Amino acid sequence: MCNIVNAVSARMRYNSWHYTPGYFPQDQVAPERGWFFAPRMADLTVYSDYHHAGHAHARVRYCIRSPLSIRAGRDILAGFADLRLMRQSGTAYDLHEFATALACTEVLQFLYQKLMDHLLGTDARYAFTFGDKPWFDRAYAARPVPAPQAALA
């Protein structure tokens, strides 16, 4: 499990420094960086392991992505962050689970907006460090992997 979580985290970290979101003017983006339109609408995926190489590698079959936007002064940062949920097996996410993810995203959006408002009102500098490799190693590598359950006779 730790290897998969680290792989996902590594890809997300790569995306965050390699690609520039669309709320920055494209002509001001360094040539070595990609530029993309950040997602603005939540979505569900089914059988994503059939068409997404990273999902195939991690055996991710079903997903929910729920992006959130925040305001920084007069600018709206579309797709500033997003909530991502995944399942490797079982049933696809249903509409109730999708609605729950959207509600959780609204809570996250509120918290991120409050943090942004606070930071804009001060001279403080802030760095997000959650989700880097050392964090995942501390959080997941130390956890014992549960033994497989024996079938009941």
N, C-alpha and C. Protein backbone atom coordinates (compact mmCIF):
# COMPACT_ATOMS: atom_id res chain seq x y z
N MET A 1 0.83 -1.20 0.00
CA MET A 1 0.00 0.00 0.00
C MET A 1 0.86 1.26 0.00
N CYS A 2 1.92 1.27 0.82
CA CYS A 2 2.78 2.45 0.91
C CYS A 2 3.40 2.77 -0.44
N ASN A 3 3.77 1.75 -1.22
CA ASN A 3 4.37 2.00 -2.53
C ASN A 3 3.39 2.70 -3.46
N ILE A 4 2.13 2.29 -3.44
CA ILE A 4 1.12 2.91 -4.30
C ILE A 4 0.87 4.35 -3.86
N VAL A 5 0.72 4.57 -2.54
CA VAL A 5 0.47 5.92 -2.04
C VAL A 5 1.66 6.82 -2.38
N ASN A 6 2.88 6.32 -2.24
CA ASN A 6 4.06 7.11 -2.59
C ASN A 6 4.09 7.41 -4.08
N ALA A 7 3.71 6.45 -4.91
CA ALA A 7 3.70 6.67 -6.36
C ALA A 7 2.69 7.75 -6.74
N VAL A 8 1.50 7.69 -6.15
CA VAL A 8 0.48 8.71 -6.41
C VAL A 8 0.98 10.07 -5.94
N SER A 9 1.53 10.11 -4.73
CA SER A 9 2.05 11.36 -4.20
C SER A 9 3.15 11.93 -5.07
N ALA A 10 4.06 11.07 -5.55
CA ALA A 10 5.15 11.54 -6.40
C ALA A 10 4.61 12.15 -7.69
N ARG A 11 3.61 11.52 -8.28
CA ARG A 11 3.04 12.04 -9.52
C ARG A 11 2.35 13.38 -9.28
N MET A 12 1.61 13.50 -8.18
CA MET A 12 0.94 14.76 -7.88
C MET A 12 1.96 15.87 -7.61
N ARG A 13 3.06 15.53 -6.91
CA ARG A 13 4.10 16.54 -6.68
C ARG A 13 4.73 16.96 -8.01
N TYR A 14 4.98 15.98 -8.89
CA TYR A 14 5.53 16.29 -10.21
C TYR A 14 4.59 17.23 -10.97
N ASN A 15 3.31 16.88 -10.98
CA ASN A 15 2.32 17.72 -11.68
C ASN A 15 2.31 19.14 -11.12
N SER A 16 2.47 19.27 -9.80
CA SER A 16 2.36 20.60 -9.19
C SER A 16 3.52 21.52 -9.56
N TRP A 17 4.69 20.98 -9.85
CA TRP A 17 5.78 21.87 -10.24
C TRP A 17 6.04 21.87 -11.73
N HIS A 18 5.58 20.84 -12.45
CA HIS A 18 5.86 20.78 -13.88
C HIS A 18 4.80 21.49 -14.72
N TYR A 19 3.57 21.44 -14.26
CA TYR A 19 2.48 22.03 -15.03
C TYR A 19 1.98 23.31 -14.37
N THR A 20 1.71 24.32 -15.18
CA THR A 20 1.20 25.59 -14.68
C THR A 20 -0.29 25.67 -14.97
N PRO A 21 -1.12 25.93 -13.93
CA PRO A 21 -2.56 26.00 -14.16
C PRO A 21 -2.96 27.21 -15.00
N GLY A 22 -4.10 27.09 -15.64
CA GLY A 22 -4.57 28.07 -16.62
C GLY A 22 -4.90 29.44 -16.09
N TYR A 23 -4.88 29.67 -14.77
CA TYR A 23 -5.14 31.02 -14.31
C TYR A 23 -3.90 31.90 -14.39
N PHE A 24 -2.75 31.34 -14.84
CA PHE A 24 -1.58 32.14 -15.16
C PHE A 24 -1.55 32.36 -16.66
N PRO A 25 -1.19 33.55 -17.13
CA PRO A 25 -1.16 33.79 -18.58
C PRO A 25 -0.18 32.84 -19.28
N GLN A 26 -0.64 32.18 -20.32
CA GLN A 26 0.15 31.17 -21.01
C GLN A 26 1.47 31.75 -21.56
N ASP A 27 1.46 33.00 -22.01
CA ASP A 27 2.68 33.58 -22.58
C ASP A 27 3.72 33.90 -21.51
N GLN A 28 3.35 33.82 -20.23
CA GLN A 28 4.30 34.08 -19.15
C GLN A 28 4.81 32.79 -18.49
N VAL A 29 4.44 31.65 -19.05
CA VAL A 29 4.86 30.36 -18.50
C VAL A 29 6.18 29.96 -19.14
N ALA A 30 7.13 29.52 -18.31
CA ALA A 30 8.44 29.08 -18.81
C ALA A 30 8.26 27.95 -19.82
N PRO A 31 9.07 27.94 -20.89
CA PRO A 31 8.90 26.93 -21.94
C PRO A 31 9.04 25.48 -21.45
N GLU A 32 9.82 25.27 -20.39
CA GLU A 32 10.01 23.90 -19.90
C GLU A 32 8.85 23.38 -19.05
N ARG A 33 7.88 24.24 -18.80
CA ARG A 33 6.72 23.82 -18.02
C ARG A 33 5.50 23.67 -18.92
N GLY A 34 4.66 22.73 -18.59
CA GLY A 34 3.40 22.56 -19.30
C GLY A 34 2.38 23.56 -18.79
N TRP A 35 1.30 23.76 -19.53
CA TRP A 35 0.23 24.67 -19.16
C TRP A 35 -1.07 23.93 -19.38
N PHE A 36 -2.02 24.03 -18.46
CA PHE A 36 -3.26 23.28 -18.60
C PHE A 36 -4.43 24.06 -18.03
N PHE A 37 -5.62 23.74 -18.51
CA PHE A 37 -6.84 24.26 -17.91
C PHE A 37 -7.16 23.39 -16.71
N ALA A 38 -7.17 23.97 -15.52
CA ALA A 38 -7.46 23.21 -14.31
C ALA A 38 -8.90 22.71 -14.35
N PRO A 39 -9.13 21.51 -13.82
CA PRO A 39 -10.50 20.99 -13.81
C PRO A 39 -11.40 21.87 -12.94
N ARG A 40 -12.63 22.03 -13.39
CA ARG A 40 -13.59 22.87 -12.67
C ARG A 40 -14.84 22.10 -12.27
N MET A 41 -15.02 20.91 -12.82
CA MET A 41 -16.24 20.16 -12.57
C MET A 41 -15.89 18.77 -12.04
N ALA A 42 -16.61 18.34 -11.03
CA ALA A 42 -16.39 17.02 -10.46
C ALA A 42 -16.78 15.94 -11.46
N ASP A 43 -16.13 14.79 -11.34
CA ASP A 43 -16.47 13.69 -12.23
C ASP A 43 -16.24 12.34 -11.55
N LEU A 44 -16.90 11.35 -12.12
CA LEU A 44 -16.74 9.94 -11.73
C LEU A 44 -16.08 9.20 -12.88
N THR A 45 -15.20 8.26 -12.57
CA THR A 45 -14.66 7.41 -13.62
C THR A 45 -14.93 5.96 -13.27
N VAL A 46 -15.18 5.18 -14.30
CA VAL A 46 -15.43 3.76 -14.16
C VAL A 46 -14.45 3.03 -15.08
N TYR A 47 -13.81 2.00 -14.56
CA TYR A 47 -12.81 1.22 -15.31
C TYR A 47 -11.68 2.11 -15.83
N SER A 48 -11.23 3.04 -14.99
CA SER A 48 -10.15 3.94 -15.42
C SER A 48 -8.84 3.19 -15.60
N ASP A 49 -8.74 2.00 -15.04
CA ASP A 49 -7.52 1.21 -15.22
C ASP A 49 -7.41 0.67 -16.65
N TYR A 50 -8.44 0.81 -17.45
CA TYR A 50 -8.39 0.36 -18.84
C TYR A 50 -7.82 1.43 -19.77
N HIS A 51 -7.83 2.69 -19.35
CA HIS A 51 -7.41 3.75 -20.27
C HIS A 51 -6.44 4.75 -19.67
N HIS A 52 -6.08 4.63 -18.41
CA HIS A 52 -5.17 5.57 -17.77
C HIS A 52 -3.98 4.76 -17.26
N ALA A 53 -2.80 5.00 -17.83
CA ALA A 53 -1.63 4.17 -17.51
C ALA A 53 -1.29 4.18 -16.02
N GLY A 54 -1.34 5.34 -15.39
CA GLY A 54 -1.05 5.41 -13.96
C GLY A 54 -2.06 4.62 -13.14
N HIS A 55 -3.33 4.67 -13.55
CA HIS A 55 -4.35 3.92 -12.84
C HIS A 55 -4.19 2.42 -13.07
N ALA A 56 -3.79 2.03 -14.27
CA ALA A 56 -3.55 0.61 -14.54
C ALA A 56 -2.42 0.10 -13.65
N HIS A 57 -1.35 0.87 -13.53
CA HIS A 57 -0.21 0.46 -12.72
C HIS A 57 -0.60 0.30 -11.25
N ALA A 58 -1.43 1.21 -10.74
CA ALA A 58 -1.85 1.17 -9.33
C ALA A 58 -3.15 0.39 -9.13
N ARG A 59 -3.68 -0.20 -10.20
CA ARG A 59 -4.93 -0.97 -10.15
C ARG A 59 -6.08 -0.13 -9.62
N VAL A 60 -6.19 1.12 -10.08
CA VAL A 60 -7.27 2.02 -9.69
C VAL A 60 -8.40 1.85 -10.69
N ARG A 61 -9.52 1.33 -10.25
CA ARG A 61 -10.63 1.04 -11.14
C ARG A 61 -11.68 2.14 -11.16
N TYR A 62 -12.04 2.66 -9.99
CA TYR A 62 -13.11 3.65 -9.89
C TYR A 62 -12.59 4.90 -9.17
N CYS A 63 -12.99 6.07 -9.64
CA CYS A 63 -12.50 7.33 -9.05
C CYS A 63 -13.59 8.37 -8.96
N ILE A 64 -13.38 9.27 -8.01
CA ILE A 64 -14.12 10.53 -7.95
C ILE A 64 -13.07 11.63 -7.89
N ARG A 65 -13.23 12.64 -8.72
CA ARG A 65 -12.41 13.86 -8.63
C ARG A 65 -13.36 15.01 -8.43
N SER A 66 -13.08 15.80 -7.37
CA SER A 66 -13.95 16.93 -7.05
C SER A 66 -13.07 18.16 -6.82
N PRO A 67 -12.86 18.97 -7.88
CA PRO A 67 -11.99 20.14 -7.75
C PRO A 67 -12.66 21.27 -6.99
N LEU A 68 -11.82 22.13 -6.42
CA LEU A 68 -12.33 23.31 -5.74
C LEU A 68 -11.56 24.54 -6.20
N SER A 69 -12.24 25.64 -6.25
CA SER A 69 -11.64 26.92 -6.61
C SER A 69 -11.65 27.81 -5.39
N ILE A 70 -10.68 28.72 -5.31
CA ILE A 70 -10.68 29.72 -4.25
C ILE A 70 -10.38 31.08 -4.85
N ARG A 71 -10.66 32.10 -4.09
CA ARG A 71 -10.40 33.47 -4.51
C ARG A 71 -9.15 33.97 -3.80
N ALA A 72 -8.24 34.57 -4.58
CA ALA A 72 -7.05 35.22 -4.03
C ALA A 72 -7.14 36.69 -4.40
N GLY A 73 -7.64 37.48 -3.47
CA GLY A 73 -7.91 38.88 -3.80
C GLY A 73 -9.03 38.95 -4.82
N ARG A 74 -8.74 39.52 -6.00
CA ARG A 74 -9.75 39.63 -7.05
C ARG A 74 -9.67 38.49 -8.05
N ASP A 75 -8.67 37.61 -7.90
CA ASP A 75 -8.49 36.50 -8.84
C ASP A 75 -9.15 35.23 -8.32
N ILE A 76 -9.74 34.48 -9.25
CA ILE A 76 -10.28 33.17 -8.90
C ILE A 76 -9.29 32.13 -9.40
N LEU A 77 -8.85 31.26 -8.48
CA LEU A 77 -7.92 30.20 -8.82
C LEU A 77 -8.71 28.92 -9.03
N ALA A 78 -9.11 28.70 -10.27
CA ALA A 78 -9.93 27.53 -10.60
C ALA A 78 -9.11 26.26 -10.42
N GLY A 79 -9.73 25.25 -9.85
CA GLY A 79 -9.05 23.99 -9.67
C GLY A 79 -7.82 24.09 -8.78
N PHE A 80 -7.85 24.99 -7.81
CA PHE A 80 -6.71 25.21 -6.92
C PHE A 80 -6.29 23.91 -6.24
N ALA A 81 -7.25 23.11 -5.86
CA ALA A 81 -7.00 21.81 -5.24
C ALA A 81 -8.17 20.91 -5.62
N ASP A 82 -8.04 19.64 -5.35
CA ASP A 82 -9.19 18.77 -5.56
C ASP A 82 -9.13 17.58 -4.62
N LEU A 83 -10.30 17.06 -4.35
CA LEU A 83 -10.46 15.85 -3.56
C LEU A 83 -10.47 14.69 -4.54
N ARG A 84 -9.66 13.69 -4.28
CA ARG A 84 -9.63 12.51 -5.15
C ARG A 84 -9.84 11.27 -4.32
N LEU A 85 -10.77 10.47 -4.76
CA LEU A 85 -11.08 9.20 -4.10
C LEU A 85 -10.91 8.09 -5.11
N MET A 86 -10.49 6.91 -4.64
CA MET A 86 -10.32 5.81 -5.58
C MET A 86 -10.64 4.47 -4.92
N ARG A 87 -11.04 3.54 -5.78
CA ARG A 87 -11.27 2.14 -5.40
C ARG A 87 -10.54 1.25 -6.39
N GLN A 88 -9.95 0.21 -5.86
CA GLN A 88 -9.27 -0.74 -6.73
C GLN A 88 -10.17 -1.88 -7.16
N SER A 89 -11.24 -2.12 -6.43
CA SER A 89 -12.13 -3.23 -6.77
C SER A 89 -13.50 -2.96 -6.17
N GLY A 90 -14.38 -3.91 -6.32
CA GLY A 90 -15.72 -3.76 -5.78
C GLY A 90 -16.63 -3.04 -6.76
N THR A 91 -17.54 -2.26 -6.21
CA THR A 91 -18.51 -1.57 -7.05
C THR A 91 -18.08 -0.14 -7.34
N ALA A 92 -18.60 0.38 -8.42
CA ALA A 92 -18.34 1.78 -8.78
C ALA A 92 -18.99 2.69 -7.73
N TYR A 93 -18.49 3.91 -7.63
CA TYR A 93 -19.10 4.88 -6.74
C TYR A 93 -20.52 5.17 -7.21
N ASP A 94 -21.44 5.33 -6.25
CA ASP A 94 -22.82 5.65 -6.62
C ASP A 94 -23.06 7.15 -6.42
N LEU A 95 -24.26 7.60 -6.76
CA LEU A 95 -24.57 9.02 -6.68
C LEU A 95 -24.55 9.55 -5.25
N HIS A 96 -24.92 8.72 -4.28
CA HIS A 96 -24.86 9.14 -2.88
C HIS A 96 -23.41 9.40 -2.47
N GLU A 97 -22.50 8.52 -2.85
CA GLU A 97 -21.08 8.71 -2.53
C GLU A 97 -20.52 9.93 -3.26
N PHE A 98 -20.98 10.15 -4.49
CA PHE A 98 -20.55 11.31 -5.25
C PHE A 98 -21.02 12.60 -4.55
N ALA A 99 -22.27 12.62 -4.10
CA ALA A 99 -22.81 13.79 -3.40
C ALA A 99 -22.05 14.02 -2.09
N THR A 100 -21.68 12.94 -1.40
CA THR A 100 -20.91 13.07 -0.16
C THR A 100 -19.54 13.67 -0.45
N ALA A 101 -18.89 13.24 -1.54
CA ALA A 101 -17.59 13.80 -1.93
C ALA A 101 -17.73 15.30 -2.23
N LEU A 102 -18.80 15.68 -2.92
CA LEU A 102 -19.02 17.10 -3.22
C LEU A 102 -19.20 17.91 -1.94
N ALA A 103 -19.92 17.36 -0.98
CA ALA A 103 -20.11 18.05 0.30
C ALA A 103 -18.78 18.20 1.04
N CYS A 104 -17.96 17.16 1.02
CA CYS A 104 -16.64 17.24 1.65
C CYS A 104 -15.78 18.28 0.95
N THR A 105 -15.88 18.37 -0.37
CA THR A 105 -15.13 19.38 -1.12
C THR A 105 -15.54 20.78 -0.71
N GLU A 106 -16.82 20.99 -0.46
CA GLU A 106 -17.27 22.31 -0.02
C GLU A 106 -16.66 22.68 1.33
N VAL A 107 -16.52 21.71 2.22
CA VAL A 107 -15.87 21.98 3.51
C VAL A 107 -14.41 22.33 3.28
N LEU A 108 -13.72 21.55 2.44
CA LEU A 108 -12.32 21.84 2.12
C LEU A 108 -12.16 23.21 1.48
N GLN A 109 -13.09 23.55 0.58
CA GLN A 109 -13.04 24.85 -0.09
C GLN A 109 -13.16 25.97 0.94
N PHE A 110 -14.07 25.83 1.89
CA PHE A 110 -14.24 26.82 2.94
C PHE A 110 -12.95 26.99 3.74
N LEU A 111 -12.31 25.86 4.11
CA LEU A 111 -11.08 25.92 4.91
C LEU A 111 -9.93 26.54 4.12
N TYR A 112 -9.75 26.12 2.86
CA TYR A 112 -8.70 26.71 2.03
C TYR A 112 -8.94 28.21 1.82
N GLN A 113 -10.20 28.59 1.64
CA GLN A 113 -10.50 30.01 1.44
C GLN A 113 -10.17 30.81 2.68
N LYS A 114 -10.50 30.29 3.85
CA LYS A 114 -10.18 30.98 5.09
C LYS A 114 -8.67 31.12 5.25
N LEU A 115 -7.92 30.07 4.91
CA LEU A 115 -6.46 30.14 4.99
C LEU A 115 -5.93 31.19 4.01
N MET A 116 -6.44 31.19 2.78
CA MET A 116 -6.00 32.17 1.79
C MET A 116 -6.31 33.58 2.25
N ASP A 117 -7.51 33.81 2.77
CA ASP A 117 -7.88 35.14 3.26
C ASP A 117 -6.95 35.58 4.38
N HIS A 118 -6.63 34.67 5.28
CA HIS A 118 -5.71 34.98 6.38
C HIS A 118 -4.33 35.34 5.84
N LEU A 119 -3.81 34.52 4.92
CA LEU A 119 -2.46 34.77 4.40
C LEU A 119 -2.39 36.08 3.62
N LEU A 120 -3.44 36.41 2.88
CA LEU A 120 -3.44 37.66 2.13
C LEU A 120 -3.51 38.87 3.06
N GLY A 121 -4.01 38.66 4.27
CA GLY A 121 -4.12 39.75 5.22
C GLY A 121 -2.89 39.93 6.09
N THR A 122 -1.86 39.13 5.85
CA THR A 122 -0.62 39.21 6.65
C THR A 122 0.58 39.20 5.70
N ASP A 123 1.75 39.35 6.28
CA ASP A 123 2.99 39.21 5.52
C ASP A 123 3.56 37.80 5.66
N ALA A 124 2.75 36.88 6.17
CA ALA A 124 3.21 35.52 6.45
C ALA A 124 3.53 34.76 5.16
N ARG A 125 4.49 33.88 5.25
CA ARG A 125 4.81 32.96 4.16
C ARG A 125 4.37 31.58 4.62
N TYR A 126 3.83 30.81 3.70
CA TYR A 126 3.28 29.51 4.07
C TYR A 126 3.66 28.48 3.02
N ALA A 127 4.04 27.30 3.47
CA ALA A 127 4.36 26.21 2.54
C ALA A 127 3.59 24.96 2.97
N PHE A 128 2.92 24.34 2.01
CA PHE A 128 2.25 23.07 2.27
C PHE A 128 3.28 21.96 2.22
N THR A 129 3.40 21.18 3.27
CA THR A 129 4.35 20.06 3.27
C THR A 129 3.65 18.73 3.41
N PHE A 130 2.36 18.73 3.62
CA PHE A 130 1.61 17.48 3.69
C PHE A 130 1.71 16.76 2.36
N GLY A 131 1.93 15.47 2.40
CA GLY A 131 1.88 14.68 1.17
C GLY A 131 3.22 14.49 0.50
N ASP A 132 4.33 14.94 1.11
CA ASP A 132 5.62 14.64 0.50
C ASP A 132 6.05 13.22 0.90
N LYS A 133 7.09 12.72 0.28
CA LYS A 133 7.51 11.34 0.52
C LYS A 133 7.80 11.05 1.99
N PRO A 134 8.55 11.90 2.70
CA PRO A 134 8.77 11.61 4.12
C PRO A 134 7.48 11.53 4.93
N TRP A 135 6.50 12.38 4.59
CA TRP A 135 5.22 12.32 5.31
C TRP A 135 4.54 10.97 5.07
N PHE A 136 4.46 10.53 3.81
CA PHE A 136 3.82 9.25 3.53
C PHE A 136 4.59 8.09 4.15
N ASP A 137 5.91 8.16 4.14
CA ASP A 137 6.70 7.10 4.77
C ASP A 137 6.38 7.01 6.26
N ARG A 138 6.30 8.15 6.93
CA ARG A 138 5.97 8.14 8.36
C ARG A 138 4.54 7.64 8.58
N ALA A 139 3.62 8.07 7.73
CA ALA A 139 2.21 7.76 7.95
C ALA A 139 1.84 6.32 7.59
N TYR A 140 2.48 5.77 6.54
CA TYR A 140 2.04 4.47 6.04
C TYR A 140 3.06 3.35 6.16
N ALA A 141 4.34 3.64 6.01
CA ALA A 141 5.34 2.56 6.01
C ALA A 141 5.43 1.89 7.37
N ALA A 142 5.17 2.63 8.44
CA ALA A 142 5.27 2.05 9.77
C ALA A 142 4.06 1.19 10.14
N ARG A 143 3.00 1.29 9.39
CA ARG A 143 1.78 0.52 9.71
C ARG A 143 1.95 -0.92 9.24
N PRO A 144 1.63 -1.86 10.10
CA PRO A 144 1.72 -3.27 9.67
C PRO A 144 0.64 -3.58 8.63
N VAL A 145 1.00 -4.39 7.68
CA VAL A 145 0.04 -4.82 6.67
C VAL A 145 -0.79 -5.94 7.27
N PRO A 146 -2.13 -5.83 7.24
CA PRO A 146 -2.95 -6.88 7.86
C PRO A 146 -2.78 -8.20 7.11
N ALA A 147 -2.77 -9.28 7.88
CA ALA A 147 -2.64 -10.62 7.30
C ALA A 147 -3.95 -10.95 6.58
N PRO A 148 -3.85 -11.72 5.49
CA PRO A 148 -5.08 -12.12 4.79
C PRO A 148 -5.97 -12.95 5.72
N GLN A 149 -7.27 -12.75 5.60
CA GLN A 149 -8.24 -13.50 6.40
C GLN A 149 -8.40 -14.90 5.82
N ALA A 150 -8.37 -15.89 6.67
CA ALA A 150 -8.60 -17.27 6.21
C ALA A 150 -10.09 -17.44 5.94
N ALA A 151 -10.40 -18.20 4.92
CA ALA A 151 -11.80 -18.46 4.57
C ALA A 151 -12.44 -19.29 5.67
N LEU A 152 -13.66 -18.93 6.03
CA LEU A 152 -14.39 -19.69 7.04
C LEU A 152 -14.96 -20.95 6.42
N ALA A 153 -14.85 -22.04 7.15
CA ALA A 153 -15.35 -23.32 6.63
C ALA A 153 -16.80 -23.49 6.93
